[in-house]
Structure formats: C-alpha cells, structure tokens
Amino acid sequence: MSKIYCGSGKKKNDTWLKVTINPDKIKEHIQEFNGNRFVKLDVNIKPEPDQYGKDVSISVDTWQPEQQDNNQQSGYPQNPLNNDESDVPF
C-alpha cells in the first residue's frame, strides 16, 4: 500500500515540531482500544524543506498485525507487565 500523507509541518527546534493534520485523510484509519479512539501516525523529518518550507512529513501508519489461529493479534503482548487499561498497545 502506498503512503497516505495526511499533514506536514516545520521543525522549530530539536524538541518541537509544529504540524497540521488533515482530518479527512485520517478518518478511515481511526482505531479503537478499550473504548478510546486513536490514529497511528508516522512523523518524519525531511532531509531538506520542500517548496513550501515544510521539513516535517506526516503519514498514516497502516501496519496491521497478522491474525493468529486463535483469533488473537500477534503484534500485541498477551500478558503485559503494565495492567493499566488506558495504555494503548501501539
């Protein structure tokens, strides 16, 4: 699958990125976990700014774990050490 670009931004300093995300491009990729909704995103710093001066690229993380025979997802721990149910598995 090709990348789904959903936003861009600028690196303001070593610890601060200022970004804009297009909600229309991420709405199909909303996931639910323990009653909370999330979108997994990849944020990348470009080697040089584009024609608009943007040096940050944002795309949707579309990776999905493979299903196991017992219908459990292999990408997530079965007995996590942290039992805080508000913690997401990704």
PDB file of N, CA and C in Angstrom:
ATOM      1  N   MET A   1       0.847  -1.177   0.000  1.00  0.00           N
ATOM      2  CA  MET A   1       0.000   0.000   0.000  1.00  0.00           C
ATOM      3  C   MET A   1       0.891   1.240   0.000  1.00  0.00           C
ATOM      4  N   SER A   2       0.500   2.234  -0.748  1.00  0.00           N
ATOM      5  CA  SER A   2       1.285   3.463  -0.777  1.00  0.00           C
ATOM      6  C   SER A   2       1.018   4.295   0.472  1.00  0.00           C
ATOM      7  N   LYS A   3       1.928   5.204   0.747  1.00  0.00           N
ATOM      8  CA  LYS A   3       1.791   6.049   1.933  1.00  0.00           C
ATOM      9  C   LYS A   3       0.575   6.949   1.812  1.00  0.00           C
ATOM     10  N   ILE A   4      -0.069   7.190   2.929  1.00  0.00           N
ATOM     11  CA  ILE A   4      -1.210   8.095   2.995  1.00  0.00           C
ATOM     12  C   ILE A   4      -0.737   9.336   3.733  1.00  0.00           C
ATOM     13  N   TYR A   5      -0.343  10.355   2.972  1.00  0.00           N
ATOM     14  CA  TYR A   5       0.127  11.592   3.587  1.00  0.00           C
ATOM     15  C   TYR A   5      -1.071  12.369   4.103  1.00  0.00           C
ATOM     16  N   CYS A   6      -0.977  12.822   5.345  1.00  0.00           N
ATOM     17  CA  CYS A   6      -2.119  13.488   5.975  1.00  0.00           C
ATOM     18  C   CYS A   6      -1.751  14.820   6.600  1.00  0.00           C
ATOM     19  N   GLY A   7      -0.503  15.247   6.460  1.00  0.00           N
ATOM     20  CA  GLY A   7      -0.127  16.522   7.034  1.00  0.00           C
ATOM     21  C   GLY A   7       1.331  16.835   6.813  1.00  0.00           C
ATOM     22  N   SER A   8       1.712  18.000   7.294  1.00  0.00           N
ATOM     23  CA  SER A   8       3.102  18.446   7.185  1.00  0.00           C
ATOM     24  C   SER A   8       3.363  19.459   8.287  1.00  0.00           C
ATOM     25  N   GLY A   9       4.580  19.923   8.363  1.00  0.00           N
ATOM     26  CA  GLY A   9       4.913  20.890   9.396  1.00  0.00           C
ATOM     27  C   GLY A   9       6.337  21.358   9.283  1.00  0.00           C
ATOM     28  N   LYS A  10       6.764  22.030  10.357  1.00  0.00           N
ATOM     29  CA  LYS A  10       8.118  22.562  10.418  1.00  0.00           C
ATOM     30  C   LYS A  10       8.758  22.189  11.741  1.00  0.00           C
ATOM     31  N   LYS A  11      10.030  21.885  11.662  1.00  0.00           N
ATOM     32  CA  LYS A  11      10.816  21.633  12.866  1.00  0.00           C
ATOM     33  C   LYS A  11      11.208  22.992  13.425  1.00  0.00           C
ATOM     34  N   LYS A  12      10.729  23.314  14.622  1.00  0.00           N
ATOM     35  CA  LYS A  12      11.015  24.612  15.241  1.00  0.00           C
ATOM     36  C   LYS A  12      12.335  24.587  16.000  1.00  0.00           C
ATOM     37  N   ASN A  13      12.619  23.463  16.666  1.00  0.00           N
ATOM     38  CA  ASN A  13      13.911  23.249  17.316  1.00  0.00           C
ATOM     39  C   ASN A  13      14.064  21.745  17.544  1.00  0.00           C
ATOM     40  N   ASP A  14      15.079  21.323  18.267  1.00  0.00           N
ATOM     41  CA  ASP A  14      15.343  19.886  18.433  1.00  0.00           C
ATOM     42  C   ASP A  14      14.225  19.129  19.147  1.00  0.00           C
ATOM     43  N   THR A  15      13.395  19.820  19.921  1.00  0.00           N
ATOM     44  CA  THR A  15      12.358  19.130  20.690  1.00  0.00           C
ATOM     45  C   THR A  15      10.944  19.582  20.336  1.00  0.00           C
ATOM     46  N   TRP A  16      10.784  20.380  19.284  1.00  0.00           N
ATOM     47  CA  TRP A  16       9.455  20.920  18.968  1.00  0.00           C
ATOM     48  C   TRP A  16       9.195  20.874  17.475  1.00  0.00           C
ATOM     49  N   LEU A  17       8.133  20.145  17.101  1.00  0.00           N
ATOM     50  CA  LEU A  17       7.657  20.106  15.730  1.00  0.00           C
ATOM     51  C   LEU A  17       6.276  20.745  15.709  1.00  0.00           C
ATOM     52  N   LYS A  18       6.048  21.634  14.774  1.00  0.00           N
ATOM     53  CA  LYS A  18       4.737  22.260  14.627  1.00  0.00           C
ATOM     54  C   LYS A  18       4.110  21.701  13.357  1.00  0.00           C
ATOM     55  N   VAL A  19       2.947  21.013  13.492  1.00  0.00           N
ATOM     56  CA  VAL A  19       2.370  20.288  12.366  1.00  0.00           C
ATOM     57  C   VAL A  19       0.889  20.612  12.183  1.00  0.00           C
ATOM     58  N   THR A  20       0.411  20.322  10.993  1.00  0.00           N
ATOM     59  CA  THR A  20      -1.001  20.433  10.652  1.00  0.00           C
ATOM     60  C   THR A  20      -1.424  19.101  10.050  1.00  0.00           C
ATOM     61  N   ILE A  21      -2.580  18.576  10.497  1.00  0.00           N
ATOM     62  CA  ILE A  21      -3.075  17.292  10.010  1.00  0.00           C
ATOM     63  C   ILE A  21      -4.452  17.500   9.379  1.00  0.00           C
ATOM     64  N   ASN A  22      -4.663  16.887   8.224  1.00  0.00           N
ATOM     65  CA  ASN A  22      -5.939  16.945   7.526  1.00  0.00           C
ATOM     66  C   ASN A  22      -6.830  15.819   8.059  1.00  0.00           C
ATOM     67  N   PRO A  23      -7.886  16.137   8.818  1.00  0.00           N
ATOM     68  CA  PRO A  23      -8.720  15.083   9.415  1.00  0.00           C
ATOM     69  C   PRO A  23      -9.458  14.233   8.386  1.00  0.00           C
ATOM     70  N   ASP A  24      -9.737  14.771   7.211  1.00  0.00           N
ATOM     71  CA  ASP A  24     -10.414  13.979   6.181  1.00  0.00           C
ATOM     72  C   ASP A  24      -9.556  12.811   5.712  1.00  0.00           C
ATOM     73  N   LYS A  25      -8.233  12.955   5.775  1.00  0.00           N
ATOM     74  CA  LYS A  25      -7.342  11.894   5.313  1.00  0.00           C
ATOM     75  C   LYS A  25      -7.099  10.818   6.361  1.00  0.00           C
ATOM     76  N   ILE A  26      -7.430  11.079   7.630  1.00  0.00           N
ATOM     77  CA  ILE A  26      -7.184  10.081   8.678  1.00  0.00           C
ATOM     78  C   ILE A  26      -8.451   9.404   9.193  1.00  0.00           C
ATOM     79  N   LYS A  27      -9.627   9.916   8.842  1.00  0.00           N
ATOM     80  CA  LYS A  27     -10.869   9.401   9.434  1.00  0.00           C
ATOM     81  C   LYS A  27     -11.113   7.926   9.155  1.00  0.00           C
ATOM     82  N   GLU A  28     -10.641   7.406   8.014  1.00  0.00           N
ATOM     83  CA  GLU A  28     -10.827   5.979   7.702  1.00  0.00           C
ATOM     84  C   GLU A  28      -9.867   5.089   8.488  1.00  0.00           C
ATOM     85  N   HIS A  29      -8.908   5.671   9.186  1.00  0.00           N
ATOM     86  CA  HIS A  29      -7.864   4.900   9.867  1.00  0.00           C
ATOM     87  C   HIS A  29      -7.956   5.005  11.387  1.00  0.00           C
ATOM     88  N   ILE A  30      -9.091   5.459  11.880  1.00  0.00           N
ATOM     89  CA  ILE A  30      -9.297   5.547  13.323  1.00  0.00           C
ATOM     90  C   ILE A  30      -9.494   4.140  13.872  1.00  0.00           C
ATOM     91  N   GLN A  31      -8.755   3.821  14.929  1.00  0.00           N
ATOM     92  CA  GLN A  31      -8.854   2.515  15.582  1.00  0.00           C
ATOM     93  C   GLN A  31      -9.408   2.717  16.987  1.00  0.00           C
ATOM     94  N   GLU A  32      -9.960   1.657  17.544  1.00  0.00           N
ATOM     95  CA  GLU A  32     -10.495   1.739  18.899  1.00  0.00           C
ATOM     96  C   GLU A  32      -9.801   0.722  19.783  1.00  0.00           C
ATOM     97  N   PHE A  33      -9.500   1.140  21.011  1.00  0.00           N
ATOM     98  CA  PHE A  33      -8.891   0.264  22.004  1.00  0.00           C
ATOM     99  C   PHE A  33      -9.411   0.667  23.368  1.00  0.00           C
ATOM    100  N   ASN A  34     -10.027  -0.253  24.069  1.00  0.00           N
ATOM    101  CA  ASN A  34     -10.588  -0.002  25.404  1.00  0.00           C
ATOM    102  C   ASN A  34     -11.499   1.226  25.425  1.00  0.00           C
ATOM    103  N   GLY A  35     -12.302   1.372  24.386  1.00  0.00           N
ATOM    104  CA  GLY A  35     -13.263   2.468  24.330  1.00  0.00           C
ATOM    105  C   GLY A  35     -12.687   3.810  23.922  1.00  0.00           C
ATOM    106  N   ASN A  36     -11.396   3.876  23.612  1.00  0.00           N
ATOM    107  CA  ASN A  36     -10.765   5.120  23.168  1.00  0.00           C
ATOM    108  C   ASN A  36     -10.427   5.020  21.694  1.00  0.00           C
ATOM    109  N   ARG A  37     -10.470   6.135  21.002  1.00  0.00           N
ATOM    110  CA  ARG A  37     -10.171   6.172  19.577  1.00  0.00           C
ATOM    111  C   ARG A  37      -8.784   6.764  19.335  1.00  0.00           C
ATOM    112  N   PHE A  38      -8.049   6.155  18.388  1.00  0.00           N
ATOM    113  CA  PHE A  38      -6.678   6.554  18.095  1.00  0.00           C
ATOM    114  C   PHE A  38      -6.412   6.485  16.601  1.00  0.00           C
ATOM    115  N   VAL A  39      -5.436   7.258  16.168  1.00  0.00           N
ATOM    116  CA  VAL A  39      -4.890   7.144  14.819  1.00  0.00           C
ATOM    117  C   VAL A  39      -3.385   7.045  14.974  1.00  0.00           C
ATOM    118  N   LYS A  40      -2.793   5.989  14.387  1.00  0.00           N
ATOM    119  CA  LYS A  40      -1.345   5.829  14.441  1.00  0.00           C
ATOM    120  C   LYS A  40      -0.741   6.597  13.272  1.00  0.00           C
ATOM    121  N   LEU A  41       0.233   7.446  13.572  1.00  0.00           N
ATOM    122  CA  LEU A  41       0.864   8.281  12.553  1.00  0.00           C
ATOM    123  C   LEU A  41       2.371   8.101  12.575  1.00  0.00           C
ATOM    124  N   ASP A  42       2.983   8.280  11.412  1.00  0.00           N
ATOM    125  CA  ASP A  42       4.436   8.331  11.295  1.00  0.00           C
ATOM    126  C   ASP A  42       4.810   9.790  11.054  1.00  0.00           C
ATOM    127  N   VAL A  43       5.721  10.310  11.857  1.00  0.00           N
ATOM    128  CA  VAL A  43       6.203  11.680  11.709  1.00  0.00           C
ATOM    129  C   VAL A  43       7.671  11.602  11.325  1.00  0.00           C
ATOM    130  N   ASN A  44       7.995  12.171  10.186  1.00  0.00           N
ATOM    131  CA  ASN A  44       9.359  12.100   9.672  1.00  0.00           C
ATOM    132  C   ASN A  44       9.914  13.495   9.413  1.00  0.00           C
ATOM    133  N   ILE A  45      11.195  13.671   9.731  1.00  0.00           N
ATOM    134  CA  ILE A  45      11.893  14.912   9.424  1.00  0.00           C
ATOM    135  C   ILE A  45      12.523  14.735   8.042  1.00  0.00           C
ATOM    136  N   LYS A  46      12.201  15.629   7.137  1.00  0.00           N
ATOM    137  CA  LYS A  46      12.735  15.556   5.776  1.00  0.00           C
ATOM    138  C   LYS A  46      14.193  16.032   5.781  1.00  0.00           C
ATOM    139  N   PRO A  47      15.007  15.518   4.860  1.00  0.00           N
ATOM    140  CA  PRO A  47      16.403  15.944   4.795  1.00  0.00           C
ATOM    141  C   PRO A  47      16.553  17.420   4.427  1.00  0.00           C
ATOM    142  N   GLU A  48      15.581  17.943   3.683  1.00  0.00           N
ATOM    143  CA  GLU A  48      15.577  19.379   3.364  1.00  0.00           C
ATOM    144  C   GLU A  48      14.136  19.827   3.149  1.00  0.00           C
ATOM    145  N   PRO A  49      13.855  21.102   3.382  1.00  0.00           N
ATOM    146  CA  PRO A  49      12.488  21.603   3.244  1.00  0.00           C
ATOM    147  C   PRO A  49      11.974  21.468   1.808  1.00  0.00           C
ATOM    148  N   ASP A  50      10.640  21.298   1.682  1.00  0.00           N
ATOM    149  CA  ASP A  50      10.017  21.251   0.361  1.00  0.00           C
ATOM    150  C   ASP A  50       9.817  22.669  -0.176  1.00  0.00           C
ATOM    151  N   GLN A  51       9.092  22.794  -1.275  1.00  0.00           N
ATOM    152  CA  GLN A  51       8.899  24.099  -1.917  1.00  0.00           C
ATOM    153  C   GLN A  51       8.133  25.091  -1.044  1.00  0.00           C
ATOM    154  N   TYR A  52       7.437  24.587  -0.010  1.00  0.00           N
ATOM    155  CA  TYR A  52       6.682  25.455   0.902  1.00  0.00           C
ATOM    156  C   TYR A  52       7.410  25.683   2.222  1.00  0.00           C
ATOM    157  N   GLY A  53       8.632  25.200   2.327  1.00  0.00           N
ATOM    158  CA  GLY A  53       9.413  25.359   3.544  1.00  0.00           C
ATOM    159  C   GLY A  53       9.108  24.321   4.613  1.00  0.00           C
ATOM    160  N   LYS A  54       8.307  23.311   4.283  1.00  0.00           N
ATOM    161  CA  LYS A  54       7.941  22.271   5.247  1.00  0.00           C
ATOM    162  C   LYS A  54       9.043  21.220   5.292  1.00  0.00           C
ATOM    163  N   ASP A  55       9.518  20.923   6.504  1.00  0.00           N
ATOM    164  CA  ASP A  55      10.561  19.911   6.650  1.00  0.00           C
ATOM    165  C   ASP A  55      10.116  18.738   7.515  1.00  0.00           C
ATOM    166  N   VAL A  56       8.799  18.640   7.758  1.00  0.00           N
ATOM    167  CA  VAL A  56       8.211  17.534   8.510  1.00  0.00           C
ATOM    168  C   VAL A  56       7.104  16.926   7.653  1.00  0.00           C
ATOM    169  N   SER A  57       7.092  15.607   7.560  1.00  0.00           N
ATOM    170  CA  SER A  57       6.092  14.877   6.789  1.00  0.00           C
ATOM    171  C   SER A  57       5.329  13.961   7.736  1.00  0.00           C
ATOM    172  N   ILE A  58       4.008  13.896   7.584  1.00  0.00           N
ATOM    173  CA  ILE A  58       3.178  13.041   8.439  1.00  0.00           C
ATOM    174  C   ILE A  58       2.372  12.110   7.543  1.00  0.00           C
ATOM    175  N   SER A  59       2.402  10.809   7.879  1.00  0.00           N
ATOM    176  CA  SER A  59       1.618   9.828   7.131  1.00  0.00           C
ATOM    177  C   SER A  59       0.952   8.868   8.116  1.00  0.00           C
ATOM    178  N   VAL A  60      -0.104   8.220   7.642  1.00  0.00           N
ATOM    179  CA  VAL A  60      -0.841   7.265   8.461  1.00  0.00           C
ATOM    180  C   VAL A  60      -0.041   5.972   8.542  1.00  0.00           C
ATOM    181  N   ASP A  61       0.105   5.421   9.749  1.00  0.00           N
ATOM    182  CA  ASP A  61       0.731   4.116   9.956  1.00  0.00           C
ATOM    183  C   ASP A  61      -0.349   3.068   9.696  1.00  0.00           C
ATOM    184  N   THR A  62      -0.279   2.394   8.562  1.00  0.00           N
ATOM    185  CA  THR A  62      -1.311   1.436   8.174  1.00  0.00           C
ATOM    186  C   THR A  62      -0.955  -0.004   8.521  1.00  0.00           C
ATOM    187  N   TRP A  63       0.153  -0.230   9.232  1.00  0.00           N
ATOM    188  CA  TRP A  63       0.567  -1.580   9.586  1.00  0.00           C
ATOM    189  C   TRP A  63      -0.489  -2.233  10.472  1.00  0.00           C
ATOM    190  N   GLN A  64      -0.836  -3.466  10.162  1.00  0.00           N
ATOM    191  CA  GLN A  64      -1.766  -4.257  10.962  1.00  0.00           C
ATOM    192  C   GLN A  64      -1.095  -5.580  11.307  1.00  0.00           C
ATOM    193  N   PRO A  65      -1.179  -6.036  12.555  1.00  0.00           N
ATOM    194  CA  PRO A  65      -0.591  -7.328  12.913  1.00  0.00           C
ATOM    195  C   PRO A  65      -1.353  -8.456  12.223  1.00  0.00           C
ATOM    196  N   GLU A  66      -0.655  -9.561  11.987  1.00  0.00           N
ATOM    197  CA  GLU A  66      -1.293 -10.726  11.393  1.00  0.00           C
ATOM    198  C   GLU A  66      -2.193 -11.393  12.421  1.00  0.00           C
ATOM    199  N   GLN A  67      -3.291 -11.960  11.959  1.00  0.00           N
ATOM    200  CA  GLN A  67      -4.194 -12.702  12.839  1.00  0.00           C
ATOM    201  C   GLN A  67      -3.614 -14.084  13.098  1.00  0.00           C
ATOM    202  N   GLN A  68      -3.684 -14.550  14.348  1.00  0.00           N
ATOM    203  CA  GLN A  68      -3.272 -15.904  14.692  1.00  0.00           C
ATOM    204  C   GLN A  68      -4.480 -16.818  14.604  1.00  0.00           C
ATOM    205  N   ASP A  69      -4.235 -18.133  14.624  1.00  0.00           N
ATOM    206  CA  ASP A  69      -5.321 -19.105  14.526  1.00  0.00           C
ATOM    207  C   ASP A  69      -6.346 -18.958  15.647  1.00  0.00           C
ATOM    208  N   ASN A  70      -5.898 -18.572  16.834  1.00  0.00           N
ATOM    209  CA  ASN A  70      -6.813 -18.451  17.969  1.00  0.00           C
ATOM    210  C   ASN A  70      -7.482 -17.078  18.021  1.00  0.00           C
ATOM    211  N   ASN A  71      -7.431 -16.333  16.897  1.00  0.00           N
ATOM    212  CA  ASN A  71      -8.119 -15.051  16.757  1.00  0.00           C
ATOM    213  C   ASN A  71      -7.518 -13.935  17.609  1.00  0.00           C
ATOM    214  N   GLN A  72      -6.298 -14.113  18.127  1.00  0.00           N
ATOM    215  CA  GLN A  72      -5.626 -13.056  18.875  1.00  0.00           C
ATOM    216  C   GLN A  72      -4.601 -12.414  17.978  1.00  0.00           C
ATOM    217  N   GLN A  73      -4.346 -11.138  18.160  1.00  0.00           N
ATOM    218  CA  GLN A  73      -3.390 -10.444  17.330  1.00  0.00           C
ATOM    219  C   GLN A  73      -1.987 -10.688  17.839  1.00  0.00           C
ATOM    220  N   SER A  74      -1.094 -11.077  16.918  1.00  0.00           N
ATOM    221  CA  SER A  74       0.264 -11.438  17.307  1.00  0.00           C
ATOM    222  C   SER A  74       1.133 -10.232  17.629  1.00  0.00           C
ATOM    223  N   GLY A  75       0.746  -9.034  17.207  1.00  0.00           N
ATOM    224  CA  GLY A  75       1.589  -7.868  17.418  1.00  0.00           C
ATOM    225  C   GLY A  75       1.512  -7.296  18.818  1.00  0.00           C
ATOM    226  N   TYR A  76       0.618  -7.782  19.653  1.00  0.00           N
ATOM    227  CA  TYR A  76       0.425  -7.219  20.978  1.00  0.00           C
ATOM    228  C   TYR A  76       0.729  -8.256  22.054  1.00  0.00           C
ATOM    229  N   PRO A  77       1.289  -7.851  23.173  1.00  0.00           N
ATOM    230  CA  PRO A  77       1.601  -8.806  24.238  1.00  0.00           C
ATOM    231  C   PRO A  77       0.321  -9.387  24.842  1.00  0.00           C
ATOM    232  N   GLN A  78       0.350 -10.666  25.166  1.00  0.00           N
ATOM    233  CA  GLN A  78      -0.816 -11.320  25.747  1.00  0.00           C
ATOM    234  C   GLN A  78      -0.921 -11.057  27.253  1.00  0.00           C
ATOM    235  N   ASN A  79       0.217 -10.928  27.943  1.00  0.00           N
ATOM    236  CA  ASN A  79       0.242 -10.642  29.374  1.00  0.00           C
ATOM    237  C   ASN A  79       1.138  -9.442  29.626  1.00  0.00           C
ATOM    238  N   PRO A  80       0.649  -8.239  29.349  1.00  0.00           N
ATOM    239  CA  PRO A  80       1.511  -7.077  29.518  1.00  0.00           C
ATOM    240  C   PRO A  80       1.888  -6.871  30.980  1.00  0.00           C
ATOM    241  N   LEU A  81       3.090  -6.375  31.212  1.00  0.00           N
ATOM    242  CA  LEU A  81       3.537  -6.093  32.572  1.00  0.00           C
ATOM    243  C   LEU A  81       2.756  -4.946  33.177  1.00  0.00           C
ATOM    244  N   ASN A  82       2.368  -3.984  32.347  1.00  0.00           N
ATOM    245  CA  ASN A  82       1.600  -2.840  32.808  1.00  0.00           C
ATOM    246  C   ASN A  82       0.123  -3.159  32.633  1.00  0.00           C
ATOM    247  N   ASN A  83      -0.627  -3.259  33.703  1.00  0.00           N
ATOM    248  CA  ASN A  83      -2.041  -3.606  33.635  1.00  0.00           C
ATOM    249  C   ASN A  83      -2.948  -2.394  33.541  1.00  0.00           C
ATOM    250  N   ASP A  84      -2.406  -1.224  33.257  1.00  0.00           N
ATOM    251  CA  ASP A  84      -3.183  -0.019  33.097  1.00  0.00           C
ATOM    252  C   ASP A  84      -3.967  -0.121  31.789  1.00  0.00           C
ATOM    253  N   GLU A  85      -5.301  -0.270  31.873  1.00  0.00           N
ATOM    254  CA  GLU A  85      -6.112  -0.481  30.687  1.00  0.00           C
ATOM    255  C   GLU A  85      -6.199   0.745  29.804  1.00  0.00           C
ATOM    256  N   SER A  86      -5.773   1.910  30.303  1.00  0.00           N
ATOM    257  CA  SER A  86      -5.811   3.104  29.468  1.00  0.00           C
ATOM    258  C   SER A  86      -4.625   3.163  28.541  1.00  0.00           C
ATOM    259  N   ASP A  87      -3.643   2.286  28.716  1.00  0.00           N
ATOM    260  CA  ASP A  87      -2.445   2.254  27.889  1.00  0.00           C
ATOM    261  C   ASP A  87      -2.769   1.551  26.577  1.00  0.00           C
ATOM    262  N   VAL A  88      -2.355   2.123  25.453  1.00  0.00           N
ATOM    263  CA  VAL A  88      -2.610   1.508  24.170  1.00  0.00           C
ATOM    264  C   VAL A  88      -1.497   0.546  23.803  1.00  0.00           C
ATOM    265  N   PRO A  89      -1.793  -0.482  22.995  1.00  0.00           N
ATOM    266  CA  PRO A  89      -0.785  -1.486  22.672  1.00  0.00           C
ATOM    267  C   PRO A  89       0.137  -1.079  21.535  1.00  0.00           C
ATOM    268  N   PHE A  90       0.068   0.150  21.084  1.00  0.00           N
ATOM    269  CA  PHE A  90       0.914   0.572  19.973  1.00  0.00           C
ATOM    270  C   PHE A  90       1.574   1.879  20.269  1.00  0.00           C
TER     271      PHE A  90
END
